Amino acid sequence: RIEAATTNPALDPVAFINPDGTYAVVIKASIGANISISGLPQGR
């Protein structure tokens, strides 16, 4: 698990680096929302 933070209290993010080096971010949203994420490495 790595740090994930938000300024929107309606969003509850968690972020992880998987054993194969890929990143995963999962966000529980209590409302519909536009989300901007920074800090992910380049890739698909």
PDB file of all heavy atoms in Angstrom:
ATOM      1  N   ARG A   1       0.839  -1.195   0.000  1.00  0.00           N
ATOM      2  CA  ARG A   1       0.000   0.000   0.000  1.00  0.00           C
ATOM      3  C   ARG A   1       0.874   1.245   0.000  1.00  0.00           C
ATOM      4  O   ARG A   1       1.881   1.312   0.708  1.00  0.00           O
ATOM      5  CB  ARG A   1      -0.926   0.004   1.214  1.00  0.00           C
ATOM      6  CG  ARG A   1      -1.951   1.125   1.156  1.00  0.00           C
ATOM      7  CD  ARG A   1      -3.034   0.959   2.174  1.00  0.00           C
ATOM      8  NE  ARG A   1      -3.975   2.058   2.061  1.00  0.00           N
ATOM      9  CZ  ARG A   1      -5.023   2.206   2.825  1.00  0.00           C
ATOM     10  NH1 ARG A   1      -5.284   1.317   3.771  1.00  0.00           N
ATOM     11  NH2 ARG A   1      -5.832   3.222   2.664  1.00  0.00           N
ATOM     12  N   ILE A   2       0.469   2.226  -0.808  1.00  0.00           N
ATOM     13  CA  ILE A   2       1.158   3.507  -0.867  1.00  0.00           C
ATOM     14  C   ILE A   2       0.150   4.606  -0.566  1.00  0.00           C
ATOM     15  O   ILE A   2      -1.062   4.373  -0.535  1.00  0.00           O
ATOM     16  CB  ILE A   2       1.843   3.724  -2.240  1.00  0.00           C
ATOM     17  CG1 ILE A   2       0.827   3.636  -3.383  1.00  0.00           C
ATOM     18  CG2 ILE A   2       2.982   2.722  -2.427  1.00  0.00           C
ATOM     19  CD1 ILE A   2       1.403   3.943  -4.758  1.00  0.00           C
ATOM     20  N   GLU A   3       0.649   5.801  -0.360  1.00  0.00           N
ATOM     21  CA  GLU A   3      -0.217   6.905   0.023  1.00  0.00           C
ATOM     22  C   GLU A   3      -1.180   7.287  -1.105  1.00  0.00           C
ATOM     23  O   GLU A   3      -0.809   7.330  -2.275  1.00  0.00           O
ATOM     24  CB  GLU A   3       0.611   8.132   0.388  1.00  0.00           C
ATOM     25  CG  GLU A   3      -0.240   9.294   0.848  1.00  0.00           C
ATOM     26  CD  GLU A   3       0.587  10.502   1.253  1.00  0.00           C
ATOM     27  OE1 GLU A   3       1.820  10.454   1.144  1.00  0.00           O
ATOM     28  OE2 GLU A   3      -0.021  11.489   1.667  1.00  0.00           O
ATOM     29  N   ALA A   4      -2.413   7.533  -0.727  1.00  0.00           N
ATOM     30  CA  ALA A   4      -3.433   8.078  -1.628  1.00  0.00           C
ATOM     31  C   ALA A   4      -4.231   9.093  -0.819  1.00  0.00           C
ATOM     32  O   ALA A   4      -4.667   8.799   0.292  1.00  0.00           O
ATOM     33  CB  ALA A   4      -4.347   6.977  -2.152  1.00  0.00           C
ATOM     34  N   ALA A   5      -4.394  10.284  -1.357  1.00  0.00           N
ATOM     35  CA  ALA A   5      -5.083  11.351  -0.634  1.00  0.00           C
ATOM     36  C   ALA A   5      -6.044  12.062  -1.577  1.00  0.00           C
ATOM     37  O   ALA A   5      -5.880  12.023  -2.795  1.00  0.00           O
ATOM     38  CB  ALA A   5      -4.076  12.349  -0.074  1.00  0.00           C
ATOM     39  N   THR A   6      -7.035  12.705  -0.997  1.00  0.00           N
ATOM     40  CA  THR A   6      -8.017  13.452  -1.780  1.00  0.00           C
ATOM     41  C   THR A   6      -8.424  14.707  -1.021  1.00  0.00           C
ATOM     42  O   THR A   6      -8.346  14.748   0.214  1.00  0.00           O
ATOM     43  CB  THR A   6      -9.255  12.592  -2.088  1.00  0.00           C
ATOM     44  OG1 THR A   6     -10.179  13.363  -2.872  1.00  0.00           O
ATOM     45  CG2 THR A   6      -9.953  12.129  -0.828  1.00  0.00           C
ATOM     46  N   THR A   7      -8.872  15.700  -1.765  1.00  0.00           N
ATOM     47  CA  THR A   7      -9.441  16.899  -1.149  1.00  0.00           C
ATOM     48  C   THR A   7     -10.958  16.825  -1.134  1.00  0.00           C
ATOM     49  O   THR A   7     -11.609  17.706  -0.606  1.00  0.00           O
ATOM     50  CB  THR A   7      -8.996  18.170  -1.921  1.00  0.00           C
ATOM     51  OG1 THR A   7      -9.406  18.037  -3.284  1.00  0.00           O
ATOM     52  CG2 THR A   7      -7.485  18.351  -1.840  1.00  0.00           C
ATOM     53  N   ASN A   8     -11.515  15.765  -1.719  1.00  0.00           N
ATOM     54  CA  ASN A   8     -12.965  15.599  -1.797  1.00  0.00           C
ATOM     55  C   ASN A   8     -13.401  14.558  -0.772  1.00  0.00           C
ATOM     56  O   ASN A   8     -13.101  13.368  -0.925  1.00  0.00           O
ATOM     57  CB  ASN A   8     -13.355  15.153  -3.210  1.00  0.00           C
ATOM     58  CG  ASN A   8     -14.849  15.068  -3.409  1.00  0.00           C
ATOM     59  OD1 ASN A   8     -15.604  14.961  -2.457  1.00  0.00           O
ATOM     60  ND2 ASN A   8     -15.277  15.106  -4.660  1.00  0.00           N
ATOM     61  N   PRO A   9     -14.138  14.945   0.264  1.00  0.00           N
ATOM     62  CA  PRO A   9     -14.540  13.991   1.298  1.00  0.00           C
ATOM     63  C   PRO A   9     -15.514  12.919   0.803  1.00  0.00           C
ATOM     64  O   PRO A   9     -15.739  11.928   1.489  1.00  0.00           O
ATOM     65  CB  PRO A   9     -15.176  14.870   2.381  1.00  0.00           C
ATOM     66  CG  PRO A   9     -15.572  16.128   1.680  1.00  0.00           C
ATOM     67  CD  PRO A   9     -14.597  16.307   0.542  1.00  0.00           C
ATOM     68  N   ALA A  10     -16.058  13.081  -0.398  1.00  0.00           N
ATOM     69  CA  ALA A  10     -16.969  12.071  -0.962  1.00  0.00           C
ATOM     70  C   ALA A  10     -16.200  10.923  -1.616  1.00  0.00           C
ATOM     71  O   ALA A  10     -16.808   9.942  -2.037  1.00  0.00           O
ATOM     72  CB  ALA A  10     -17.910  12.712  -1.970  1.00  0.00           C
ATOM     73  N   LEU A  11     -14.873  11.051  -1.699  1.00  0.00           N
ATOM     74  CA  LEU A  11     -14.037  10.026  -2.317  1.00  0.00           C
ATOM     75  C   LEU A  11     -13.124   9.404  -1.274  1.00  0.00           C
ATOM     76  O   LEU A  11     -12.537  10.112  -0.450  1.00  0.00           O
ATOM     77  CB  LEU A  11     -13.196  10.624  -3.451  1.00  0.00           C
ATOM     78  CG  LEU A  11     -13.964  11.308  -4.567  1.00  0.00           C
ATOM     79  CD1 LEU A  11     -13.006  11.947  -5.557  1.00  0.00           C
ATOM     80  CD2 LEU A  11     -14.908  10.336  -5.267  1.00  0.00           C
ATOM     81  N   ASP A  12     -12.980   8.081  -1.331  1.00  0.00           N
ATOM     82  CA  ASP A  12     -12.137   7.350  -0.385  1.00  0.00           C
ATOM     83  C   ASP A  12     -11.169   6.463  -1.181  1.00  0.00           C
ATOM     84  O   ASP A  12     -11.509   5.336  -1.534  1.00  0.00           O
ATOM     85  CB  ASP A  12     -13.015   6.514   0.544  1.00  0.00           C
ATOM     86  CG  ASP A  12     -12.236   5.845   1.659  1.00  0.00           C
ATOM     87  OD1 ASP A  12     -11.061   6.193   1.870  1.00  0.00           O
ATOM     88  OD2 ASP A  12     -12.810   4.958   2.313  1.00  0.00           O
ATOM     89  N   PRO A  13      -9.963   6.985  -1.490  1.00  0.00           N
ATOM     90  CA  PRO A  13      -9.033   6.227  -2.335  1.00  0.00           C
ATOM     91  C   PRO A  13      -8.071   5.348  -1.534  1.00  0.00           C
ATOM     92  O   PRO A  13      -7.715   5.666  -0.399  1.00  0.00           O
ATOM     93  CB  PRO A  13      -8.254   7.333  -3.036  1.00  0.00           C
ATOM     94  CG  PRO A  13      -8.182   8.422  -2.003  1.00  0.00           C
ATOM     95  CD  PRO A  13      -9.508   8.348  -1.261  1.00  0.00           C
ATOM     96  N   VAL A  14      -7.641   4.254  -2.158  1.00  0.00           N
ATOM     97  CA  VAL A  14      -6.510   3.452  -1.694  1.00  0.00           C
ATOM     98  C   VAL A  14      -5.647   3.177  -2.920  1.00  0.00           C
ATOM     99  O   VAL A  14      -6.157   3.074  -4.039  1.00  0.00           O
ATOM    100  CB  VAL A  14      -6.926   2.126  -1.009  1.00  0.00           C
ATOM    101  CG1 VAL A  14      -7.631   2.391   0.309  1.00  0.00           C
ATOM    102  CG2 VAL A  14      -7.780   1.269  -1.919  1.00  0.00           C
ATOM    103  N   ALA A  15      -4.336   3.065  -2.709  1.00  0.00           N
ATOM    104  CA  ALA A  15      -3.424   2.825  -3.826  1.00  0.00           C
ATOM    105  C   ALA A  15      -2.404   1.773  -3.414  1.00  0.00           C
ATOM    106  O   ALA A  15      -1.987   1.711  -2.254  1.00  0.00           O
ATOM    107  CB  ALA A  15      -2.728   4.116  -4.235  1.00  0.00           C
ATOM    108  N   PHE A  16      -1.998   0.957  -4.391  1.00  0.00           N
ATOM    109  CA  PHE A  16      -1.073  -0.138  -4.141  1.00  0.00           C
ATOM    110  C   PHE A  16      -0.122  -0.300  -5.312  1.00  0.00           C
ATOM    111  O   PHE A  16      -0.461   0.025  -6.448  1.00  0.00           O
ATOM    112  CB  PHE A  16      -1.840  -1.459  -3.981  1.00  0.00           C
ATOM    113  CG  PHE A  16      -2.670  -1.535  -2.735  1.00  0.00           C
ATOM    114  CD1 PHE A  16      -3.935  -0.975  -2.694  1.00  0.00           C
ATOM    115  CD2 PHE A  16      -2.180  -2.173  -1.607  1.00  0.00           C
ATOM    116  CE1 PHE A  16      -4.706  -1.047  -1.551  1.00  0.00           C
ATOM    117  CE2 PHE A  16      -2.943  -2.246  -0.466  1.00  0.00           C
ATOM    118  CZ  PHE A  16      -4.212  -1.688  -0.426  1.00  0.00           C
ATOM    119  N   ILE A  17       1.065  -0.831  -5.016  1.00  0.00           N
ATOM    120  CA  ILE A  17       1.961  -1.326  -6.050  1.00  0.00           C
ATOM    121  C   ILE A  17       1.905  -2.844  -5.943  1.00  0.00           C
ATOM    122  O   ILE A  17       2.209  -3.428  -4.899  1.00  0.00           O
ATOM    123  CB  ILE A  17       3.404  -0.831  -5.860  1.00  0.00           C
ATOM    124  CG1 ILE A  17       3.447   0.693  -5.856  1.00  0.00           C
ATOM    125  CG2 ILE A  17       4.299  -1.396  -6.969  1.00  0.00           C
ATOM    126  CD1 ILE A  17       4.816   1.267  -5.530  1.00  0.00           C
ATOM    127  N   ASN A  18       1.456  -3.472  -7.017  1.00  0.00           N
ATOM    128  CA  ASN A  18       1.329  -4.925  -7.049  1.00  0.00           C
ATOM    129  C   ASN A  18       2.711  -5.579  -7.179  1.00  0.00           C
ATOM    130  O   ASN A  18       3.674  -4.923  -7.588  1.00  0.00           O
ATOM    131  CB  ASN A  18       0.421  -5.347  -8.209  1.00  0.00           C
ATOM    132  CG  ASN A  18      -1.030  -5.080  -7.895  1.00  0.00           C
ATOM    133  OD1 ASN A  18      -1.519  -5.413  -6.822  1.00  0.00           O
ATOM    134  ND2 ASN A  18      -1.732  -4.463  -8.833  1.00  0.00           N
ATOM    135  N   PRO A  19       2.823  -6.858  -6.831  1.00  0.00           N
ATOM    136  CA  PRO A  19       4.122  -7.546  -6.920  1.00  0.00           C
ATOM    137  C   PRO A  19       4.765  -7.488  -8.303  1.00  0.00           C
ATOM    138  O   PRO A  19       5.991  -7.525  -8.414  1.00  0.00           O
ATOM    139  CB  PRO A  19       3.797  -8.985  -6.522  1.00  0.00           C
ATOM    140  CG  PRO A  19       2.599  -8.868  -5.649  1.00  0.00           C
ATOM    141  CD  PRO A  19       1.804  -7.718  -6.227  1.00  0.00           C
ATOM    142  N   ASP A  20       3.966  -7.367  -9.367  1.00  0.00           N
ATOM    143  CA  ASP A  20       4.538  -7.295 -10.718  1.00  0.00           C
ATOM    144  C   ASP A  20       4.949  -5.870 -11.108  1.00  0.00           C
ATOM    145  O   ASP A  20       5.360  -5.615 -12.233  1.00  0.00           O
ATOM    146  CB  ASP A  20       3.573  -7.872 -11.748  1.00  0.00           C
ATOM    147  CG  ASP A  20       2.289  -7.063 -11.899  1.00  0.00           C
ATOM    148  OD1 ASP A  20       2.103  -6.042 -11.184  1.00  0.00           O
ATOM    149  OD2 ASP A  20       1.453  -7.443 -12.737  1.00  0.00           O
ATOM    150  N   GLY A  21       4.819  -4.912 -10.165  1.00  0.00           N
ATOM    151  CA  GLY A  21       5.218  -3.529 -10.412  1.00  0.00           C
ATOM    152  C   GLY A  21       4.125  -2.629 -10.940  1.00  0.00           C
ATOM    153  O   GLY A  21       4.327  -1.420 -11.070  1.00  0.00           O
ATOM    154  N   THR A  22       2.961  -3.185 -11.264  1.00  0.00           N
ATOM    155  CA  THR A  22       1.852  -2.346 -11.730  1.00  0.00           C
ATOM    156  C   THR A  22       1.192  -1.653 -10.540  1.00  0.00           C
ATOM    157  O   THR A  22       1.231  -2.153  -9.412  1.00  0.00           O
ATOM    158  CB  THR A  22       0.793  -3.168 -12.488  1.00  0.00           C
ATOM    159  OG1 THR A  22       0.276  -4.184 -11.626  1.00  0.00           O
ATOM    160  CG2 THR A  22       1.372  -3.784 -13.750  1.00  0.00           C
ATOM    161  N   TYR A  23       0.600  -0.513 -10.818  1.00  0.00           N
ATOM    162  CA  TYR A  23      -0.096   0.251  -9.790  1.00  0.00           C
ATOM    163  C   TYR A  23      -1.589  -0.008  -9.884  1.00  0.00           C
ATOM    164  O   TYR A  23      -2.118  -0.232 -10.976  1.00  0.00           O
ATOM    165  CB  TYR A  23       0.153   1.750  -9.973  1.00  0.00           C
ATOM    166  CG  TYR A  23       1.502   2.220  -9.485  1.00  0.00           C
ATOM    167  CD1 TYR A  23       2.680   1.672  -9.968  1.00  0.00           C
ATOM    168  CD2 TYR A  23       1.604   3.228  -8.545  1.00  0.00           C
ATOM    169  CE1 TYR A  23       3.920   2.108  -9.526  1.00  0.00           C
ATOM    170  CE2 TYR A  23       2.836   3.681  -8.094  1.00  0.00           C
ATOM    171  CZ  TYR A  23       3.987   3.113  -8.590  1.00  0.00           C
ATOM    172  OH  TYR A  23       5.204   3.546  -8.151  1.00  0.00           O
ATOM    173  N   ALA A  24      -2.259   0.064  -8.738  1.00  0.00           N
ATOM    174  CA  ALA A  24      -3.723  -0.044  -8.689  1.00  0.00           C
ATOM    175  C   ALA A  24      -4.247   1.014  -7.727  1.00  0.00           C
ATOM    176  O   ALA A  24      -3.749   1.139  -6.607  1.00  0.00           O
ATOM    177  CB  ALA A  24      -4.156  -1.429  -8.240  1.00  0.00           C
ATOM    178  N   VAL A  25      -5.223   1.772  -8.189  1.00  0.00           N
ATOM    179  CA  VAL A  25      -5.901   2.759  -7.356  1.00  0.00           C
ATOM    180  C   VAL A  25      -7.376   2.406  -7.388  1.00  0.00           C
ATOM    181  O   VAL A  25      -7.957   2.240  -8.458  1.00  0.00           O
ATOM    182  CB  VAL A  25      -5.699   4.199  -7.884  1.00  0.00           C
ATOM    183  CG1 VAL A  25      -6.446   5.205  -7.014  1.00  0.00           C
ATOM    184  CG2 VAL A  25      -4.224   4.538  -7.977  1.00  0.00           C
ATOM    185  N   VAL A  26      -7.966   2.264  -6.211  1.00  0.00           N
ATOM    186  CA  VAL A  26      -9.393   1.967  -6.123  1.00  0.00           C
ATOM    187  C   VAL A  26     -10.027   3.064  -5.271  1.00  0.00           C
ATOM    188  O   VAL A  26      -9.533   3.383  -4.187  1.00  0.00           O
ATOM    189  CB  VAL A  26      -9.661   0.571  -5.521  1.00  0.00           C
ATOM    190  CG1 VAL A  26     -11.163   0.283  -5.496  1.00  0.00           C
ATOM    191  CG2 VAL A  26      -8.910  -0.507  -6.301  1.00  0.00           C
ATOM    192  N   ILE A  27     -11.108   3.630  -5.785  1.00  0.00           N
ATOM    193  CA  ILE A  27     -11.751   4.762  -5.120  1.00  0.00           C
ATOM    194  C   ILE A  27     -13.215   4.447  -4.870  1.00  0.00           C
ATOM    195  O   ILE A  27     -13.962   4.155  -5.811  1.00  0.00           O
ATOM    196  CB  ILE A  27     -11.644   6.038  -5.980  1.00  0.00           C
ATOM    197  CG1 ILE A  27     -10.177   6.342  -6.292  1.00  0.00           C
ATOM    198  CG2 ILE A  27     -12.321   7.213  -5.284  1.00  0.00           C
ATOM    199  CD1 ILE A  27      -9.984   7.372  -7.382  1.00  0.00           C
ATOM    200  N   LYS A  28     -13.595   4.519  -3.615  1.00  0.00           N
ATOM    201  CA  LYS A  28     -15.008   4.410  -3.236  1.00  0.00           C
ATOM    202  C   LYS A  28     -15.586   5.822  -3.296  1.00  0.00           C
ATOM    203  O   LYS A  28     -15.067   6.737  -2.649  1.00  0.00           O
ATOM    204  CB  LYS A  28     -15.135   3.837  -1.830  1.00  0.00           C
ATOM    205  CG  LYS A  28     -16.554   3.755  -1.336  1.00  0.00           C
ATOM    206  CD  LYS A  28     -16.575   3.205   0.082  1.00  0.00           C
ATOM    207  CE  LYS A  28     -17.927   3.367   0.710  1.00  0.00           C
ATOM    208  NZ  LYS A  28     -17.894   3.038   2.141  1.00  0.00           N
ATOM    209  N   ALA A  29     -16.629   5.997  -4.098  1.00  0.00           N
ATOM    210  CA  ALA A  29     -17.239   7.316  -4.288  1.00  0.00           C
ATOM    211  C   ALA A  29     -18.657   7.295  -3.727  1.00  0.00           C
ATOM    212  O   ALA A  29     -19.462   6.453  -4.116  1.00  0.00           O
ATOM    213  CB  ALA A  29     -17.266   7.672  -5.769  1.00  0.00           C
ATOM    214  N   SER A  30     -18.955   8.225  -2.832  1.00  0.00           N
ATOM    215  CA  SER A  30     -20.310   8.281  -2.283  1.00  0.00           C
ATOM    216  C   SER A  30     -21.244   9.106  -3.168  1.00  0.00           C
ATOM    217  O   SER A  30     -22.450   9.157  -2.924  1.00  0.00           O
ATOM    218  CB  SER A  30     -20.296   8.826  -0.852  1.00  0.00           C
ATOM    219  OG  SER A  30     -19.748  10.120  -0.815  1.00  0.00           O
ATOM    220  N   ILE A  31     -20.680   9.754  -4.203  1.00  0.00           N
ATOM    221  CA  ILE A  31     -21.451  10.508  -5.193  1.00  0.00           C
ATOM    222  C   ILE A  31     -20.769  10.346  -6.550  1.00  0.00           C
ATOM    223  O   ILE A  31     -19.621   9.919  -6.619  1.00  0.00           O
ATOM    224  CB  ILE A  31     -21.531  12.017  -4.846  1.00  0.00           C
ATOM    225  CG1 ILE A  31     -20.113  12.629  -4.806  1.00  0.00           C
ATOM    226  CG2 ILE A  31     -22.276  12.261  -3.550  1.00  0.00           C
ATOM    227  CD1 ILE A  31     -20.083  14.135  -4.716  1.00  0.00           C
ATOM    228  N   GLY A  32     -21.451  10.723  -7.616  1.00  0.00           N
ATOM    229  CA  GLY A  32     -20.789  10.810  -8.909  1.00  0.00           C
ATOM    230  C   GLY A  32     -19.767  11.935  -8.851  1.00  0.00           C
ATOM    231  O   GLY A  32     -19.995  12.944  -8.183  1.00  0.00           O
ATOM    232  N   ALA A  33     -18.628  11.754  -9.532  1.00  0.00           N
ATOM    233  CA  ALA A  33     -17.581  12.767  -9.415  1.00  0.00           C
ATOM    234  C   ALA A  33     -16.629  12.712 -10.598  1.00  0.00           C
ATOM    235  O   ALA A  33     -16.423  11.657 -11.197  1.00  0.00           O
ATOM    236  CB  ALA A  33     -16.806  12.557  -8.125  1.00  0.00           C
ATOM    237  N   ASN A  34     -16.053  13.871 -10.900  1.00  0.00           N
ATOM    238  CA  ASN A  34     -14.909  13.953 -11.797  1.00  0.00           C
ATOM    239  C   ASN A  34     -13.675  13.793 -10.921  1.00  0.00           C
ATOM    240  O   ASN A  34     -13.580  14.412  -9.860  1.00  0.00           O
ATOM    241  CB  ASN A  34     -14.875  15.287 -12.539  1.00  0.00           C
ATOM    242  CG  ASN A  34     -16.039  15.419 -13.487  1.00  0.00           C
ATOM    243  OD1 ASN A  34     -16.399  14.472 -14.180  1.00  0.00           O
ATOM    244  ND2 ASN A  34     -16.644  16.596 -13.529  1.00  0.00           N
ATOM    245  N   ILE A  35     -12.733  12.981 -11.375  1.00  0.00           N
ATOM    246  CA  ILE A  35     -11.570  12.637 -10.562  1.00  0.00           C
ATOM    247  C   ILE A  35     -10.310  12.907 -11.371  1.00  0.00           C
ATOM    248  O   ILE A  35     -10.209  12.484 -12.525  1.00  0.00           O
ATOM    249  CB  ILE A  35     -11.624  11.150 -10.155  1.00  0.00           C
ATOM    250  CG1 ILE A  35     -12.922  10.859  -9.382  1.00  0.00           C
ATOM    251  CG2 ILE A  35     -10.402  10.753  -9.348  1.00  0.00           C
ATOM    252  CD1 ILE A  35     -13.215   9.379  -9.208  1.00  0.00           C
ATOM    253  N   SER A  36      -9.345  13.594 -10.760  1.00  0.00           N
ATOM    254  CA  SER A  36      -8.036  13.823 -11.373  1.00  0.00           C
ATOM    255  C   SER A  36      -6.988  13.161 -10.487  1.00  0.00           C
ATOM    256  O   SER A  36      -6.941  13.412  -9.284  1.00  0.00           O
ATOM    257  CB  SER A  36      -7.735  15.320 -11.488  1.00  0.00           C
ATOM    258  OG  SER A  36      -8.608  15.917 -12.415  1.00  0.00           O
ATOM    259  N   ILE A  37      -6.162  12.335 -11.103  1.00  0.00           N
ATOM    260  CA  ILE A  37      -5.157  11.573 -10.358  1.00  0.00           C
ATOM    261  C   ILE A  37      -3.774  11.948 -10.875  1.00  0.00           C
ATOM    262  O   ILE A  37      -3.540  11.978 -12.082  1.00  0.00           O
ATOM    263  CB  ILE A  37      -5.383  10.059 -10.533  1.00  0.00           C
ATOM    264  CG1 ILE A  37      -6.763   9.681  -9.972  1.00  0.00           C
ATOM    265  CG2 ILE A  37      -4.279   9.259  -9.850  1.00  0.00           C
ATOM    266  CD1 ILE A  37      -7.154   8.253 -10.258  1.00  0.00           C
ATOM    267  N   SER A  38      -2.866  12.212  -9.949  1.00  0.00           N
ATOM    268  CA  SER A  38      -1.473  12.459 -10.320  1.00  0.00           C
ATOM    269  C   SER A  38      -0.605  11.436  -9.593  1.00  0.00           C
ATOM    270  O   SER A  38      -1.028  10.810  -8.630  1.00  0.00           O
ATOM    271  CB  SER A  38      -1.049  13.875  -9.939  1.00  0.00           C
ATOM    272  OG  SER A  38      -1.016  14.010  -8.533  1.00  0.00           O
ATOM    273  N   GLY A  39       0.627  11.287 -10.071  1.00  0.00           N
ATOM    274  CA  GLY A  39       1.586  10.436  -9.391  1.00  0.00           C
ATOM    275  C   GLY A  39       1.689   9.023  -9.919  1.00  0.00           C
ATOM    276  O   GLY A  39       2.503   8.241  -9.428  1.00  0.00           O
ATOM    277  N   LEU A  40       0.880   8.670 -10.908  1.00  0.00           N
ATOM    278  CA  LEU A  40       1.006   7.336 -11.496  1.00  0.00           C
ATOM    279  C   LEU A  40       2.167   7.333 -12.487  1.00  0.00           C
ATOM    280  O   LEU A  40       2.358   8.299 -13.223  1.00  0.00           O
ATOM    281  CB  LEU A  40      -0.284   6.933 -12.217  1.00  0.00           C
ATOM    282  CG  LEU A  40      -1.494   6.658 -11.337  1.00  0.00           C
ATOM    283  CD1 LEU A  40      -2.735   6.457 -12.202  1.00  0.00           C
ATOM    284  CD2 LEU A  40      -1.256   5.443 -10.455  1.00  0.00           C
ATOM    285  N   PRO A  41       2.933   6.255 -12.531  1.00  0.00           N
ATOM    286  CA  PRO A  41       4.015   6.197 -13.511  1.00  0.00           C
ATOM    287  C   PRO A  41       3.455   6.065 -14.923  1.00  0.00           C
ATOM    288  O   PRO A  41       2.303   5.663 -15.112  1.00  0.00           O
ATOM    289  CB  PRO A  41       4.802   4.950 -13.107  1.00  0.00           C
ATOM    290  CG  PRO A  41       3.857   4.115 -12.338  1.00  0.00           C
ATOM    291  CD  PRO A  41       2.884   5.059 -11.688  1.00  0.00           C
ATOM    292  N   GLN A  42       4.285   6.393 -15.894  1.00  0.00           N
ATOM    293  CA  GLN A  42       3.838   6.271 -17.279  1.00  0.00           C
ATOM    294  C   GLN A  42       3.501   4.826 -17.583  1.00  0.00           C
ATOM    295  O   GLN A  42       4.035   3.910 -16.981  1.00  0.00           O
ATOM    296  CB  GLN A  42       4.888   6.805 -18.239  1.00  0.00           C
ATOM    297  CG  GLN A  42       6.131   5.976 -18.338  1.00  0.00           C
ATOM    298  CD  GLN A  42       7.120   6.594 -19.318  1.00  0.00           C
ATOM    299  OE1 GLN A  42       7.085   7.797 -19.595  1.00  0.00           O
ATOM    300  NE2 GLN A  42       7.997   5.786 -19.842  1.00  0.00           N
ATOM    301  N   GLY A  43       2.561   4.641 -18.487  1.00  0.00           N
ATOM    302  CA  GLY A  43       2.153   3.299 -18.871  1.00  0.00           C
ATOM    303  C   GLY A  43       0.694   3.258 -19.263  1.00  0.00           C
ATOM    304  O   GLY A  43       0.001   4.283 -19.305  1.00  0.00           O
ATOM    305  N   ARG A  44       0.217   2.067 -19.535  1.00  0.00           N
ATOM    306  CA  ARG A  44      -1.174   1.859 -19.946  1.00  0.00           C
ATOM    307  C   ARG A  44      -1.999   1.428 -18.736  1.00  0.00           C
ATOM    308  O   ARG A  44      -1.570   0.563 -17.961  1.00  0.00           O
ATOM    309  CB  ARG A  44      -1.229   0.799 -21.039  1.00  0.00           C
ATOM    310  CG  ARG A  44      -2.562   0.795 -21.752  1.00  0.00           C
ATOM    311  CD  ARG A  44      -2.518  -0.072 -22.984  1.00  0.00           C
ATOM    312  NE  ARG A  44      -3.376  -1.213 -22.708  1.00  0.00           N
ATOM    313  CZ  ARG A  44      -3.131  -2.444 -23.083  1.00  0.00           C
ATOM    314  NH1 ARG A  44      -2.055  -2.739 -23.762  1.00  0.00           N
ATOM    315  NH2 ARG A  44      -3.976  -3.395 -22.801  1.00  0.00           N
TER     316      ARG A  44
END
